[in-house]
């Protein structure tokens, strides 16, 4: 991803495990975005955190030290989730074990999907898609997009940003 460009980004838990069903892991994701946004490294325009993947429309604005913000995000969330798994759910760890020289475990699948959002219409389409994700028959998590806590739907429907991480996409386009 290039800096100062808006992307629709999908990050998936290894082997599509429903690790993000636990709210404490969703909170780790939010806290990472909050830290990066408060330091001016990202702008988050919309998101949804599902049980085994997340979608975010965001913009990377500057490096976090020597690494890109999305790399910092994956590193921090992986480390923090693995630490909790080791302490509280050691029986789950084997699902995340990998045979890679640089790591023993992997939380996120390799090569997340990044799609450039070069128009307001594309952003609106992706945000609508994200907000409707929890309503899909296979998930059936809520009856209305704004009732799903772990998305930006409430922000766009009611103007409420519970997590303090969002920038309205109209401020960018």
Protein backbone atom coordinates (compact mmCIF):
# COMPACT_ATOMS: atom_id res chain seq x y z
CA UNK A 1 0.00 0.00 0.00
CA UNK A 2 1.19 3.48 -0.83
CA UNK A 3 1.03 6.32 1.66
CA UNK A 4 -1.68 8.97 1.31
CA UNK A 5 -3.95 6.65 -0.69
CA UNK A 6 -7.19 5.13 0.62
CA UNK A 7 -7.49 1.35 0.62
CA UNK A 8 -10.09 -1.27 1.38
CA UNK A 9 -8.04 -3.78 3.35
CA UNK A 10 -9.05 -7.28 4.42
CA UNK A 11 -7.07 -9.14 7.05
CA UNK A 12 -8.01 -12.75 7.79
CA UNK A 13 -7.22 -14.99 10.73
CA UNK A 14 -5.05 -17.97 9.77
CA UNK A 15 -7.14 -20.81 8.34
CA UNK A 16 -10.27 -18.69 8.85
CA UNK A 17 -10.42 -19.64 12.55
CA UNK A 18 -13.09 -17.67 14.42
CA UNK A 19 -10.58 -16.23 16.85
CA UNK A 20 -12.14 -12.77 16.76
CA UNK A 21 -15.36 -14.07 18.24
CA UNK A 22 -13.92 -12.98 21.59
CA UNK A 23 -14.53 -9.30 22.28
CA UNK A 24 -11.16 -8.94 24.02
CA UNK A 25 -9.44 -9.66 20.70
CA UNK A 26 -11.64 -7.14 18.90
CA UNK A 27 -10.62 -4.62 21.58
CA UNK A 28 -6.94 -5.32 20.80
CA UNK A 29 -7.62 -4.46 17.15
CA UNK A 30 -9.43 -1.26 18.13
CA UNK A 31 -6.65 -0.25 20.53
CA UNK A 32 -4.05 -0.69 17.81
CA UNK A 33 -6.03 1.44 15.36
CA UNK A 34 -6.63 4.01 18.09
CA UNK A 35 -2.92 4.29 18.86
CA UNK A 36 -1.92 4.56 15.20
CA UNK A 37 -4.69 7.10 14.48
CA UNK A 38 -3.87 9.24 17.53
CA UNK A 39 -0.26 9.41 16.37
CA UNK A 40 -1.34 10.54 12.90
CA UNK A 41 -0.11 7.40 11.12
CA UNK A 42 -3.49 6.26 9.81
CA UNK A 43 -6.94 7.59 9.10
CA UNK A 44 -9.77 5.06 9.52
CA UNK A 45 -12.83 5.79 7.37
CA UNK A 46 -14.80 2.63 8.08
CA UNK A 47 -14.40 -0.87 9.47
CA UNK A 48 -16.01 -4.10 10.53
CA UNK A 49 -14.46 -6.80 12.72
CA UNK A 50 -15.98 -10.19 12.02
CA UNK A 51 -15.31 -13.47 13.88
CA UNK A 52 -12.53 -14.56 11.50
CA UNK A 53 -11.59 -11.48 9.47
CA UNK A 54 -11.77 -7.73 9.36
CA UNK A 55 -12.31 -5.10 6.72
CA UNK A 56 -11.12 -1.54 7.03
CA UNK A 57 -11.16 1.45 4.71
CA UNK A 58 -8.11 3.42 5.75
CA UNK A 59 -5.24 5.57 4.71
CA UNK A 60 -1.63 5.15 5.79
CA UNK A 61 -0.11 8.58 6.35
CA UNK A 62 3.36 8.03 7.81
CA UNK A 63 5.81 5.38 8.95
CA UNK A 64 5.79 3.99 12.48
CA UNK A 65 9.52 4.12 13.02
CA UNK A 66 10.90 2.01 10.18
CA UNK A 67 7.74 0.08 9.37
CA UNK A 68 4.45 0.82 7.67
CA UNK A 69 1.44 1.19 9.99
CA UNK A 70 -0.29 -1.94 8.64
CA UNK A 71 2.82 -3.97 9.53
CA UNK A 72 2.82 -2.44 13.02
CA UNK A 73 -0.86 -3.29 13.32
CA UNK A 74 -0.32 -6.94 12.39
CA UNK A 75 2.74 -7.26 14.62
CA UNK A 76 1.11 -5.69 17.68
CA UNK A 77 -2.21 -7.52 17.38
CA UNK A 78 -0.52 -10.87 16.71
CA UNK A 79 1.86 -10.50 19.64
CA UNK A 80 -0.87 -9.40 22.05
CA UNK A 81 -3.35 -12.10 21.00
CA UNK A 82 -0.68 -14.84 21.12
CA UNK A 83 0.37 -13.72 24.59
CA UNK A 84 -3.23 -14.10 25.76
CA UNK A 85 -3.64 -17.47 24.04
CA UNK A 86 -0.47 -18.81 25.69
CA UNK A 87 -1.73 -17.73 29.10
CA UNK A 88 -5.44 -18.50 28.86
CA UNK A 89 -6.03 -20.89 25.96
CA UNK A 90 -2.86 -22.96 25.39
CA UNK A 91 -4.96 -25.72 23.82
CA UNK A 92 -5.72 -23.38 20.91
CA UNK A 93 -2.09 -22.55 20.10
CA UNK A 94 -1.47 -25.57 17.82
CA UNK A 95 -4.00 -24.13 15.34
CA UNK A 96 -1.67 -21.16 14.83
CA UNK A 97 1.65 -23.01 14.72
CA UNK A 98 3.64 -22.55 11.51
CA UNK A 99 6.85 -23.87 10.07
CA UNK A 100 8.48 -20.55 9.26
CA UNK A 101 12.02 -19.47 10.09
CA UNK A 102 11.00 -16.06 11.47
CA UNK A 103 8.11 -17.16 13.71
CA UNK A 104 6.61 -20.07 15.57
CA UNK A 105 3.00 -18.93 15.35
CA UNK A 106 0.93 -16.93 12.87
CA UNK A 107 -2.34 -15.21 13.76
CA UNK A 108 -3.02 -13.41 10.46
CA UNK A 109 -2.89 -15.11 7.07
CA UNK A 110 -0.14 -13.92 4.76
CA UNK A 111 -0.83 -11.28 2.12
CA UNK A 112 -3.90 -9.38 3.25
CA UNK A 113 -6.02 -7.98 0.43
CA UNK A 114 -5.54 -4.27 -0.30
CA UNK A 115 -7.72 -2.60 -2.95
CA UNK A 116 -7.13 1.04 -3.89
CA UNK A 117 -10.17 3.25 -3.33
CA UNK A 118 -9.71 6.05 -5.83
CA UNK A 119 -13.24 7.44 -5.81
CA UNK A 120 -15.96 8.41 -3.39
CA UNK A 121 -18.30 5.88 -5.04
CA UNK A 122 -15.89 2.99 -4.40
CA UNK A 123 -15.49 4.01 -0.77
CA UNK A 124 -19.26 4.23 -0.30
CA UNK A 125 -19.76 0.81 -1.88
CA UNK A 126 -17.13 -0.81 0.38
CA UNK A 127 -18.43 0.88 3.52
CA UNK A 128 -21.96 -0.31 2.74
CA UNK A 129 -20.61 -3.83 2.10
CA UNK A 130 -18.73 -3.81 5.43
CA UNK A 131 -21.70 -2.55 7.39
CA UNK A 132 -23.94 -5.26 5.93
CA UNK A 133 -21.43 -8.05 6.57
CA UNK A 134 -22.76 -8.89 10.08
CA UNK A 135 -26.28 -9.26 8.62
CA UNK A 136 -25.29 -11.91 6.09
CA UNK A 137 -27.11 -15.19 6.55
CA UNK A 138 -23.91 -17.08 7.35
CA UNK A 139 -23.23 -14.69 10.27
CA UNK A 140 -26.62 -13.34 11.31
CA UNK A 141 -25.02 -11.34 14.14
CA UNK A 142 -27.53 -8.47 14.27
CA UNK A 143 -30.73 -7.30 12.62
CA UNK A 144 -29.47 -3.83 11.60
CA UNK A 145 -25.95 -2.63 10.71
CA UNK A 146 -25.86 0.04 13.43
CA UNK A 147 -26.63 -2.61 16.08
CA UNK A 148 -23.28 -4.32 15.48
CA UNK A 149 -20.84 -2.77 17.92
CA UNK A 150 -17.69 -3.78 16.04
CA UNK A 151 -18.17 -1.65 12.95
CA UNK A 152 -18.40 1.96 11.88
CA UNK A 153 -22.11 1.64 10.97
CA UNK A 154 -23.31 3.47 14.10
CA UNK A 155 -20.92 6.34 13.28
CA UNK A 156 -22.42 6.76 9.81
CA UNK A 157 -26.03 6.20 10.90
CA UNK A 158 -26.07 8.12 14.21
CA UNK A 159 -22.83 10.14 14.33
CA UNK A 160 -21.51 8.13 17.29
CA UNK A 161 -17.85 7.01 17.32
CA UNK A 162 -17.65 4.81 20.42
CA UNK A 163 -13.98 4.04 19.89
CA UNK A 164 -12.71 7.50 18.87
CA UNK A 165 -10.89 6.26 15.77
CA UNK A 166 -13.00 7.35 12.80
CA UNK A 167 -12.73 10.07 10.21
CA UNK A 168 -15.75 10.59 7.97
CA UNK A 169 -14.89 9.61 4.40
CA UNK A 170 -16.50 12.83 3.14
CA UNK A 171 -13.69 14.70 4.89
CA UNK A 172 -11.33 12.98 2.43
CA UNK A 173 -13.34 12.82 -0.80
